[in-house]
Amino acid sequence: MTEVTLSPAAPSTTSEQAIAQERRLVTEIPGPRSRELHERRKAVVPPGVHSVLPVYIDRAHDSIVVDVDGNHIIDVCGGIGVTTIGHTDDAVIQAAREQLGKVTHTLFTMTPYEPYVQVAEHLAQAIAGGEGYTTLLMNSGAEAVENGVKIARKYTGRPGVAVLEHAYHGRTMLTSTMNFKAAPYALGYGPRASDVYKAPNSYPLHDGLSGAEAAKRTINYLEKVAGAEDLACLVVEPIQGEGGFIVPADGYLPALAEWCRANGIVFIADEVQAGMARTGTMFSIEQFGVVPDIVLSAKGIAGGLPLAGITGRAEIMAKSQPGGLGGTFGGNPVSCAAAVAVFEQIKQRGLLAEAKRIEATFGAGLRELQEKYNVIAEVRGKGAMLAIEIVKPGTLEPAPEIVGRVIDEAAKRGVLLLSSGAYNQAIRFLPSLKMSDALIEDVLSVLDESFAEALG
């Protein structure tokens, strides 16, 4: 474990390379400057814009964020899956800088530019080897979901949208309706969107069903409650993100995809959190043997810049009339240039293999903690998308209070973690694909200390 001592803050530097990849605390967490900024924030930012940890970040590189007090904190959240290839990746920053010096905006639907086309080529290659898929670029995951549904409705002429329990799709009116949890995303913001149907999902730890059994339950529900002939699309997260990194039972997703094909329903894979190499394949749906009709991407696609993709079968995407798709900032040239660099870095640095390395090393350490602490009911996930579900001992009853204490204790020690799950019953891990084994070992050591203190 890295020794942590409190000492006077070091002078600030803007050099990314000067950020040592190690945990280092120079003040308590949060420090005095963070607390001062937080007080200023309260006067001008509404409380609905909540921050999990009121520590204000000054700079970052790879797996370390440095706050305004000079503390070096290990980021195991990656901007909730955004900085998959690391904070301020050199190639991404260089590509964005070069594009900033050329053109920052024209609007692709007015006067187009090459970086947009390049991103679309990369996405088509990643999904189907470059054949038969076209892409619309937007700004965020929620916009990707909104447009995926819009395109599916246009193609099928049907209104219905099917989603799964424990899903999370965004904070717009439609996507917050699609979410499993009403609070905090939809509560009090009504009316909600119509023609959205939430079906039981596959949750092996809790339902004990095989993939075939869980799929039959999902399909039966949708046929009875929604009616297959009224459904435009089924939107699924292959690995559910905010729902707790739930990995479905083998055979579940292929059975749903087959049912969709048989009934003319567009199968949409929401890869906003699990995509872009995080799970050891470019998109997590690959690991389940399914080729979706539409794939939604965002978060990690542009290395921290806002960008989202809706990539679908050409015949589906072609149904929308000219002018029916797009947006003022959708596919911004600077974000597109950064995204091209991300695709190149994933290939050149062998980051798919790095995701599998992280799964092996981090996963093994989490399973050791599971043996030590009986509140850890399950270690699950793929690649650098892992989670532990926390329960009351001897039960499968959620224990969010333990989750909260562990996260708070880890924060005090300089490790940034997040909860997830419908009941905040899981701790999720979204490390950069560049996180070293040494940093992983340090995180595991902090987790051990934090569990011991929280359960103390």
Protein backbone atom coordinates (compact mmCIF):
# COMPACT_ATOMS: atom_id res chain seq x y z
CA MET A 1 0.00 0.00 0.00
CA THR A 2 1.20 3.53 -0.79
CA GLU A 3 2.06 5.44 2.37
CA VAL A 4 -0.01 8.58 2.74
CA THR A 5 1.16 11.54 4.82
CA LEU A 6 -0.18 15.01 5.42
CA SER A 7 2.21 17.78 4.41
CA PRO A 8 2.06 21.32 2.99
CA ALA A 9 0.52 21.50 -0.48
CA ALA A 10 2.99 21.44 -3.36
CA PRO A 11 2.98 24.34 -5.85
CA SER A 12 0.43 23.94 -8.62
CA THR A 13 1.59 23.04 -12.12
CA THR A 14 -0.27 22.82 -15.40
CA SER A 15 1.91 20.06 -16.82
CA GLU A 16 -0.06 16.86 -17.25
CA GLN A 17 3.15 14.87 -17.18
CA ALA A 18 3.96 16.29 -13.71
CA ILE A 19 1.01 14.45 -12.18
CA ALA A 20 2.53 11.41 -10.53
CA GLN A 21 0.37 8.31 -10.80
CA GLU A 22 0.13 7.75 -7.08
CA ARG A 23 -2.19 8.61 -4.22
CA ARG A 24 -0.93 11.55 -2.20
CA LEU A 25 -2.81 13.54 0.46
CA VAL A 26 -1.61 16.94 1.64
CA THR A 27 -4.81 18.05 3.41
CA GLU A 28 -7.92 16.44 4.77
CA ILE A 29 -10.65 15.56 2.24
CA PRO A 30 -12.28 17.90 1.35
CA GLY A 31 -9.56 20.47 1.89
CA PRO A 32 -9.92 24.15 2.78
CA ARG A 33 -10.00 25.48 -0.79
CA SER A 34 -12.61 22.90 -1.79
CA ARG A 35 -14.74 23.87 1.19
CA GLU A 36 -14.40 27.55 0.26
CA LEU A 37 -15.46 26.84 -3.33
CA HIS A 38 -18.37 24.76 -2.13
CA GLU A 39 -19.70 27.69 -0.15
CA ARG A 40 -19.43 29.93 -3.24
CA ARG A 41 -21.19 27.27 -5.29
CA LYS A 42 -24.20 27.16 -2.96
CA ALA A 43 -24.99 30.77 -3.82
CA VAL A 44 -25.09 30.29 -7.59
CA VAL A 45 -25.74 26.59 -8.37
CA PRO A 46 -29.07 24.90 -7.53
CA PRO A 47 -29.02 21.90 -5.16
CA GLY A 48 -30.50 19.68 -7.88
CA VAL A 49 -27.06 19.78 -9.52
CA HIS A 50 -25.65 17.53 -6.83
CA SER A 51 -22.01 16.46 -6.42
CA VAL A 52 -21.23 13.11 -4.83
CA LEU A 53 -17.98 14.42 -3.34
CA PRO A 54 -17.51 18.20 -2.86
CA VAL A 55 -13.85 18.06 -3.84
CA TYR A 56 -13.03 20.56 -6.58
CA ILE A 57 -10.65 19.32 -9.27
CA ASP A 58 -7.91 21.49 -10.70
CA ARG A 59 -6.19 19.11 -13.13
CA ALA A 60 -5.94 15.41 -13.97
CA HIS A 61 -3.97 12.86 -15.97
CA ASP A 62 -4.54 9.15 -16.58
CA SER A 63 -5.93 7.73 -13.28
CA ILE A 64 -5.17 10.63 -10.92
CA VAL A 65 -7.20 13.78 -10.31
CA VAL A 66 -5.60 16.64 -8.39
CA ASP A 67 -7.89 18.87 -6.37
CA VAL A 68 -7.52 22.59 -5.70
CA ASP A 69 -5.76 21.78 -2.43
CA GLY A 70 -3.08 19.67 -4.16
CA ASN A 71 -4.37 16.23 -3.13
CA HIS A 72 -3.68 13.42 -5.61
CA ILE A 73 -6.80 11.22 -5.65
CA ILE A 74 -7.19 7.89 -7.44
CA ASP A 75 -10.18 8.16 -9.76
CA VAL A 76 -11.98 4.81 -9.97
CA CYS A 77 -15.05 6.44 -11.55
CA GLY A 78 -13.57 7.94 -14.70
CA GLY A 79 -16.19 10.66 -14.92
CA ILE A 80 -18.76 7.86 -14.68
CA GLY A 81 -17.18 6.01 -17.57
CA VAL A 82 -16.09 8.97 -19.70
CA THR A 83 -12.30 9.01 -19.34
CA THR A 84 -11.94 5.36 -20.33
CA ILE A 85 -8.50 5.85 -21.88
CA GLY A 86 -7.41 8.16 -19.07
CA HIS A 87 -7.72 11.83 -18.18
CA THR A 88 -6.03 14.25 -20.61
CA ASP A 89 -4.71 11.53 -22.90
CA ASP A 90 -1.86 13.08 -24.88
CA ALA A 91 -3.12 11.99 -28.31
CA VAL A 92 -6.67 13.16 -27.58
CA ILE A 93 -5.48 16.56 -26.34
CA GLN A 94 -3.23 17.00 -29.37
CA ALA A 95 -6.02 16.10 -31.81
CA ALA A 96 -8.44 18.51 -30.11
CA ARG A 97 -5.85 21.30 -30.09
CA GLU A 98 -5.13 20.88 -33.79
CA GLN A 99 -8.84 20.95 -34.63
CA LEU A 100 -9.39 24.02 -32.44
CA GLY A 101 -6.91 25.83 -34.69
CA LYS A 102 -8.82 24.84 -37.83
CA VAL A 103 -12.55 25.13 -37.18
CA THR A 104 -14.66 24.85 -34.03
CA HIS A 105 -18.14 24.91 -35.55
CA THR A 106 -20.01 25.12 -38.84
CA LEU A 107 -22.96 22.75 -38.20
CA PHE A 108 -22.56 19.47 -40.06
CA THR A 109 -26.05 19.71 -41.57
CA MET A 110 -25.07 23.04 -43.16
CA THR A 111 -21.45 22.65 -44.25
CA PRO A 112 -19.96 19.27 -43.31
CA TYR A 113 -16.39 18.32 -42.35
CA GLU A 114 -14.20 15.21 -42.41
CA PRO A 115 -13.89 14.36 -38.66
CA TYR A 116 -17.64 13.60 -38.48
CA VAL A 117 -17.28 11.17 -41.39
CA GLN A 118 -14.23 9.58 -39.78
CA VAL A 119 -16.10 8.91 -36.53
CA ALA A 120 -18.97 7.35 -38.47
CA GLU A 121 -16.49 5.12 -40.31
CA HIS A 122 -14.89 4.00 -37.04
CA LEU A 123 -18.29 3.19 -35.50
CA ALA A 124 -19.43 1.20 -38.53
CA GLN A 125 -16.15 -0.73 -38.47
CA ALA A 126 -16.48 -1.47 -34.76
CA ILE A 127 -20.03 -2.78 -35.04
CA ALA A 128 -20.20 -4.57 -38.37
CA GLY A 129 -16.79 -4.50 -40.00
CA GLY A 130 -17.63 -1.31 -41.86
CA GLU A 131 -20.62 -2.62 -43.79
CA GLY A 132 -24.28 -1.65 -43.69
CA TYR A 133 -24.34 0.76 -40.71
CA THR A 134 -24.64 4.55 -40.72
CA THR A 135 -24.29 7.06 -37.88
CA LEU A 136 -25.91 10.21 -36.53
CA LEU A 137 -23.76 12.14 -34.06
CA MET A 138 -25.20 14.11 -31.14
CA ASN A 139 -23.94 15.46 -27.80
CA SER A 140 -24.94 13.16 -24.92
CA GLY A 141 -26.12 9.72 -23.95
CA ALA A 142 -29.66 10.93 -23.34
CA GLU A 143 -29.74 12.49 -26.82
CA ALA A 144 -28.50 9.20 -28.27
CA VAL A 145 -31.36 7.32 -26.58
CA GLU A 146 -33.95 9.92 -27.64
CA ASN A 147 -32.81 9.72 -31.25
CA GLY A 148 -32.57 5.93 -31.23
CA VAL A 149 -36.21 5.72 -30.15
CA LYS A 150 -37.22 8.42 -32.66
CA ILE A 151 -35.54 6.55 -35.51
CA ALA A 152 -37.08 3.21 -34.48
CA ARG A 153 -40.55 4.76 -34.35
CA LYS A 154 -40.07 6.29 -37.79
CA TYR A 155 -38.88 2.97 -39.24
CA THR A 156 -41.62 0.79 -37.74
CA GLY A 157 -44.51 3.24 -37.62
CA ARG A 158 -45.18 2.02 -34.07
CA PRO A 159 -45.29 4.00 -30.80
CA GLY A 160 -44.24 1.56 -28.08
CA VAL A 161 -40.87 1.58 -26.29
CA ALA A 162 -39.83 -1.42 -24.19
CA VAL A 163 -37.13 -1.20 -21.53
CA LEU A 164 -35.94 -3.40 -18.69
CA GLU A 165 -36.22 -3.10 -14.94
CA HIS A 166 -33.12 -1.57 -13.29
CA ALA A 167 -32.36 0.37 -16.49
CA TYR A 168 -31.01 3.90 -16.68
CA HIS A 169 -31.19 5.91 -19.93
CA GLY A 170 -30.96 9.63 -19.04
CA ARG A 171 -32.62 12.71 -17.56
CA THR A 172 -34.74 14.10 -20.42
CA MET A 173 -38.52 13.61 -20.30
CA LEU A 174 -38.47 10.43 -22.42
CA THR A 175 -35.32 8.93 -20.94
CA SER A 176 -36.27 9.68 -17.33
CA THR A 177 -39.54 7.87 -18.03
CA MET A 178 -37.54 4.93 -19.38
CA ASN A 179 -35.46 4.73 -16.18
CA PHE A 180 -36.34 2.14 -13.55
CA LYS A 181 -36.00 4.60 -10.65
CA ALA A 182 -38.32 7.59 -10.55
CA ALA A 183 -36.33 9.35 -7.84
CA PRO A 184 -34.39 11.49 -8.35
CA TYR A 185 -34.61 11.53 -12.15
CA ALA A 186 -38.35 11.94 -12.81
CA LEU A 187 -40.03 12.58 -9.47
CA GLY A 188 -41.97 15.84 -9.56
CA TYR A 189 -40.99 16.66 -13.14
CA GLY A 190 -44.11 15.23 -14.81
CA PRO A 191 -45.93 14.56 -16.97
CA ARG A 192 -43.91 11.58 -18.10
CA ALA A 193 -43.78 10.19 -21.61
CA SER A 194 -46.37 7.68 -22.80
CA ASP A 195 -46.03 4.24 -24.45
CA VAL A 196 -43.06 3.15 -22.32
CA TYR A 197 -43.19 -0.40 -20.93
CA LYS A 198 -40.83 -1.71 -18.23
CA ALA A 199 -40.32 -5.46 -18.32
CA PRO A 200 -38.56 -7.76 -15.82
CA ASN A 201 -34.87 -8.17 -16.57
CA SER A 202 -32.33 -10.91 -15.91
CA TYR A 203 -30.73 -10.45 -12.46
CA PRO A 204 -29.08 -13.82 -11.67
CA LEU A 205 -28.15 -13.02 -8.06
CA HIS A 206 -31.77 -12.30 -7.16
CA ASP A 207 -33.99 -14.21 -9.58
CA GLY A 208 -32.00 -17.45 -9.94
CA LEU A 209 -33.28 -17.87 -13.51
CA SER A 210 -31.41 -19.19 -16.52
CA GLY A 211 -31.14 -16.90 -19.51
CA ALA A 212 -33.89 -18.78 -21.32
CA GLU A 213 -36.19 -18.61 -18.29
CA ALA A 214 -35.57 -14.90 -17.74
CA ALA A 215 -36.11 -14.15 -21.44
CA LYS A 216 -39.40 -16.05 -21.43
CA ARG A 217 -40.55 -13.96 -18.45
CA THR A 218 -39.56 -10.70 -20.19
CA ILE A 219 -41.22 -11.67 -23.46
CA ASN A 220 -44.41 -12.87 -21.79
CA TYR A 221 -44.71 -9.58 -19.94
CA LEU A 222 -44.22 -7.47 -23.07
CA GLU A 223 -46.60 -9.54 -25.17
CA LYS A 224 -49.34 -9.25 -22.57
CA VAL A 225 -48.83 -5.67 -21.34
CA ALA A 226 -47.54 -3.86 -24.45
CA GLY A 227 -48.35 -6.11 -27.40
CA ALA A 228 -45.49 -6.96 -29.73
CA GLU A 229 -47.26 -5.44 -32.72
CA ASP A 230 -47.29 -2.02 -31.01
CA LEU A 231 -43.60 -1.98 -30.05
CA ALA A 232 -41.15 0.08 -32.07
CA CYS A 233 -38.09 -0.96 -30.11
CA LEU A 234 -36.59 -2.76 -27.14
CA VAL A 235 -33.81 -0.70 -25.54
CA VAL A 236 -31.38 -2.70 -23.40
CA GLU A 237 -28.10 -2.02 -21.64
CA PRO A 238 -26.17 -5.27 -22.24
CA ILE A 239 -24.59 -4.66 -18.82
CA GLN A 240 -26.82 -2.36 -16.80
CA GLY A 241 -24.93 0.68 -15.54
CA GLU A 242 -26.73 2.75 -12.91
CA GLY A 243 -28.80 -0.35 -12.13
CA GLY A 244 -25.76 -1.96 -10.49
CA PHE A 245 -23.59 -3.35 -13.31
CA ILE A 246 -25.97 -6.28 -13.67
CA VAL A 247 -24.72 -8.91 -16.12
CA PRO A 248 -27.60 -10.98 -17.55
CA ALA A 249 -27.61 -14.77 -17.55
CA ASP A 250 -26.16 -16.54 -20.59
CA GLY A 251 -28.63 -16.74 -23.46
CA TYR A 252 -30.89 -13.95 -22.21
CA LEU A 253 -29.98 -11.23 -24.71
CA PRO A 254 -29.82 -13.55 -27.76
CA ALA A 255 -33.33 -14.78 -26.95
CA LEU A 256 -34.63 -11.21 -26.72
CA ALA A 257 -32.91 -10.25 -29.99
CA GLU A 258 -34.42 -13.25 -31.76
CA TRP A 259 -37.90 -12.34 -30.48
CA CYS A 260 -37.42 -8.77 -31.69
CA ARG A 261 -36.43 -9.94 -35.17
CA ALA A 262 -39.43 -12.25 -35.37
CA ASN A 263 -41.80 -9.42 -34.45
CA GLY A 264 -40.32 -6.51 -36.39
CA ILE A 265 -39.09 -4.76 -33.23
CA VAL A 266 -35.87 -2.74 -33.42
CA PHE A 267 -33.29 -4.10 -30.94
CA ILE A 268 -31.31 -1.17 -29.52
CA ALA A 269 -28.15 -1.68 -27.44
CA ASP A 270 -27.55 1.24 -25.08
CA GLU A 271 -23.75 1.12 -24.82
CA VAL A 272 -23.39 4.59 -23.34
CA GLN A 273 -21.65 3.30 -20.19
CA ALA A 274 -20.43 -0.17 -21.20
CA GLY A 275 -19.16 0.66 -24.68
CA MET A 276 -15.91 1.98 -26.16
CA ALA A 277 -13.57 -0.84 -25.05
CA ARG A 278 -14.51 -0.73 -21.38
CA THR A 279 -15.52 -4.38 -21.07
CA GLY A 280 -12.72 -5.86 -23.19
CA THR A 281 -14.57 -5.62 -26.51
CA MET A 282 -15.39 -2.41 -28.33
CA PHE A 283 -19.03 -2.81 -27.35
CA SER A 284 -20.21 -5.10 -24.57
CA ILE A 285 -23.00 -6.60 -26.71
CA GLU A 286 -20.31 -8.48 -28.67
CA GLN A 287 -19.75 -10.70 -25.64
CA PHE A 288 -23.36 -11.92 -25.79
CA GLY A 289 -23.33 -12.96 -29.45
CA VAL A 290 -25.82 -10.33 -30.61
CA VAL A 291 -25.53 -7.83 -33.47
CA PRO A 292 -28.02 -5.04 -32.63
CA ASP A 293 -30.12 -3.06 -35.08
CA ILE A 294 -28.97 0.17 -33.41
CA VAL A 295 -26.03 0.83 -31.07
CA LEU A 296 -25.92 3.94 -28.86
CA SER A 297 -22.56 5.31 -27.74
CA ALA A 298 -21.42 8.30 -25.70
CA LYS A 299 -19.37 8.83 -22.50
CA GLY A 300 -15.96 7.33 -23.41
CA ILE A 301 -16.18 7.99 -27.14
CA ALA A 302 -14.34 11.35 -27.18
CA GLY A 303 -12.00 11.17 -24.19
CA GLY A 304 -13.91 13.71 -22.10
CA LEU A 305 -15.41 15.92 -24.80
CA PRO A 306 -19.19 15.84 -25.43
CA LEU A 307 -20.17 13.46 -28.22
CA ALA A 308 -22.67 10.66 -28.78
CA GLY A 309 -23.40 8.27 -31.61
CA ILE A 310 -26.52 6.56 -32.93
CA THR A 311 -25.28 3.84 -35.27
CA GLY A 312 -27.87 1.70 -37.02
CA ARG A 313 -28.61 -0.55 -39.92
CA ALA A 314 -28.63 1.60 -43.05
CA GLU A 315 -32.19 0.65 -44.00
CA ILE A 316 -33.44 1.73 -40.55
CA MET A 317 -31.50 4.99 -40.51
CA ALA A 318 -32.55 5.83 -44.09
CA LYS A 319 -36.23 6.02 -43.16
CA SER A 320 -35.76 9.47 -41.62
CA GLN A 321 -36.30 12.28 -44.12
CA PRO A 322 -33.57 14.89 -44.83
CA GLY A 323 -33.62 17.46 -42.06
CA GLY A 324 -35.35 15.10 -39.64
CA LEU A 325 -32.13 14.28 -37.78
CA GLY A 326 -29.40 16.47 -36.33
CA GLY A 327 -28.82 19.33 -33.92
CA THR A 328 -26.82 22.53 -33.67
CA PHE A 329 -23.85 21.10 -31.79
CA GLY A 330 -24.26 17.44 -32.76
CA GLY A 331 -20.95 16.05 -33.99
CA ASN A 332 -18.91 19.13 -33.09
CA PRO A 333 -15.62 19.01 -35.08
CA VAL A 334 -13.38 19.30 -32.00
CA SER A 335 -15.21 16.44 -30.25
CA CYS A 336 -15.05 14.39 -33.45
CA ALA A 337 -11.29 14.92 -33.77
CA ALA A 338 -10.88 13.76 -30.17
CA ALA A 339 -13.03 10.69 -30.86
CA VAL A 340 -10.89 9.70 -33.85
CA ALA A 341 -7.86 9.84 -31.53
CA VAL A 342 -9.69 7.64 -28.98
CA PHE A 343 -10.38 4.96 -31.60
CA GLU A 344 -6.76 5.08 -32.71
CA GLN A 345 -5.43 4.86 -29.16
CA ILE A 346 -7.62 1.85 -28.36
CA LYS A 347 -6.06 0.00 -31.29
CA GLN A 348 -2.48 1.23 -31.02
CA ARG A 349 -2.18 0.70 -27.26
CA GLY A 350 -4.00 -2.63 -27.17
CA LEU A 351 -6.54 -1.27 -24.70
CA LEU A 352 -8.99 -4.14 -25.18
CA ALA A 353 -6.37 -6.41 -23.65
CA GLU A 354 -5.79 -3.87 -20.89
CA ALA A 355 -9.47 -4.05 -19.96
CA LYS A 356 -9.12 -7.80 -19.57
CA ARG A 357 -5.97 -7.31 -17.46
CA ILE A 358 -7.92 -5.03 -15.15
CA GLU A 359 -10.75 -7.56 -14.91
CA ALA A 360 -8.27 -10.25 -13.89
CA THR A 361 -6.29 -8.23 -11.33
CA PHE A 362 -9.06 -6.04 -9.90
CA GLY A 363 -11.61 -8.85 -9.99
CA ALA A 364 -9.31 -11.20 -8.12
CA GLY A 365 -8.71 -8.60 -5.42
CA LEU A 366 -12.42 -7.95 -5.03
CA ARG A 367 -13.10 -11.67 -4.64
CA GLU A 368 -10.51 -11.79 -1.87
CA LEU A 369 -12.40 -9.01 -0.11
CA GLN A 370 -15.62 -10.96 -0.62
CA GLU A 371 -14.12 -13.88 1.29
CA LYS A 372 -13.15 -11.53 4.11
CA TYR A 373 -16.36 -9.50 4.40
CA ASN A 374 -19.68 -11.34 4.40
CA VAL A 375 -21.58 -8.21 3.37
CA ILE A 376 -20.23 -8.61 -0.18
CA ALA A 377 -22.82 -10.82 -1.86
CA GLU A 378 -21.38 -10.79 -5.37
CA VAL A 379 -18.48 -9.57 -7.48
CA ARG A 380 -19.62 -9.05 -11.07
CA GLY A 381 -18.92 -7.26 -14.32
CA LYS A 382 -16.62 -7.49 -17.31
CA GLY A 383 -13.34 -5.78 -18.14
CA ALA A 384 -12.92 -2.45 -16.39
CA MET A 385 -16.61 -2.36 -15.47
CA LEU A 386 -16.86 -4.15 -12.14
CA ALA A 387 -19.10 -3.96 -9.09
CA ILE A 388 -19.67 -5.50 -5.68
CA GLU A 389 -23.18 -5.84 -4.27
CA ILE A 390 -23.48 -5.12 -0.56
CA VAL A 391 -26.14 -6.81 1.59
CA LYS A 392 -27.07 -7.34 5.19
CA PRO A 393 -25.22 -10.47 6.39
CA GLY A 394 -27.04 -13.72 5.75
CA THR A 395 -29.57 -12.10 3.39
CA LEU A 396 -29.87 -10.54 -0.04
CA GLU A 397 -31.40 -7.42 1.48
CA PRO A 398 -29.69 -4.24 0.22
CA ALA A 399 -27.40 -2.43 2.66
CA PRO A 400 -26.99 1.08 1.20
CA GLU A 401 -25.89 2.44 4.58
CA ILE A 402 -22.78 0.23 4.43
CA VAL A 403 -22.14 1.30 0.84
CA GLY A 404 -22.28 4.95 1.91
CA ARG A 405 -19.89 4.45 4.82
CA VAL A 406 -17.36 2.56 2.69
CA ILE A 407 -17.42 5.23 -0.04
CA ASP A 408 -17.00 7.99 2.56
CA GLU A 409 -14.08 6.20 4.21
CA ALA A 410 -12.39 5.62 0.86
CA ALA A 411 -12.79 9.30 -0.03
CA LYS A 412 -11.05 10.33 3.19
CA ARG A 413 -8.14 8.13 2.11
CA GLY A 414 -7.93 9.56 -1.41
CA VAL A 415 -9.92 7.06 -3.50
CA LEU A 416 -12.95 8.23 -5.46
CA LEU A 417 -15.78 5.65 -5.66
CA LEU A 418 -19.46 5.66 -6.65
CA SER A 419 -22.53 3.69 -5.68
CA SER A 420 -25.03 2.22 -8.10
CA GLY A 421 -28.11 0.03 -8.10
CA ALA A 422 -31.80 0.68 -7.64
CA TYR A 423 -31.25 0.80 -3.87
CA ASN A 424 -27.66 2.12 -3.94
CA GLN A 425 -26.66 -1.39 -2.92
CA ALA A 426 -23.55 -1.69 -5.10
CA ILE A 427 -20.15 -0.05 -5.37
CA ARG A 428 -19.04 0.33 -8.97
CA PHE A 429 -15.56 0.54 -10.41
CA LEU A 430 -14.87 2.28 -13.73
CA PRO A 431 -11.08 2.66 -13.78
CA SER A 432 -9.15 4.00 -16.74
CA LEU A 433 -7.83 1.26 -19.01
CA LYS A 434 -4.38 2.68 -18.21
CA MET A 435 -4.70 2.12 -14.46
CA SER A 436 -1.59 0.26 -13.32
CA ASP A 437 -1.57 -2.89 -11.22
CA ALA A 438 0.16 -0.86 -8.49
CA LEU A 439 -2.73 1.63 -8.35
CA ILE A 440 -5.25 -1.22 -8.38
CA GLU A 441 -3.44 -2.81 -5.43
CA ASP A 442 -3.55 0.52 -3.59
CA VAL A 443 -7.29 0.89 -4.27
CA LEU A 444 -7.91 -2.62 -2.95
CA SER A 445 -5.90 -1.82 0.17
CA VAL A 446 -7.98 1.31 0.76
CA LEU A 447 -11.16 -0.70 0.21
CA ASP A 448 -10.02 -3.21 2.82
CA GLU A 449 -9.36 -0.42 5.34
CA SER A 450 -12.67 1.25 4.48
CA PHE A 451 -14.71 -1.92 4.97
CA ALA A 452 -12.98 -2.58 8.26
CA GLU A 453 -13.76 0.95 9.48
CA ALA A 454 -17.33 0.96 8.12
CA LEU A 455 -18.18 -2.38 9.72
CA GLY A 456 -16.11 -1.68 12.81
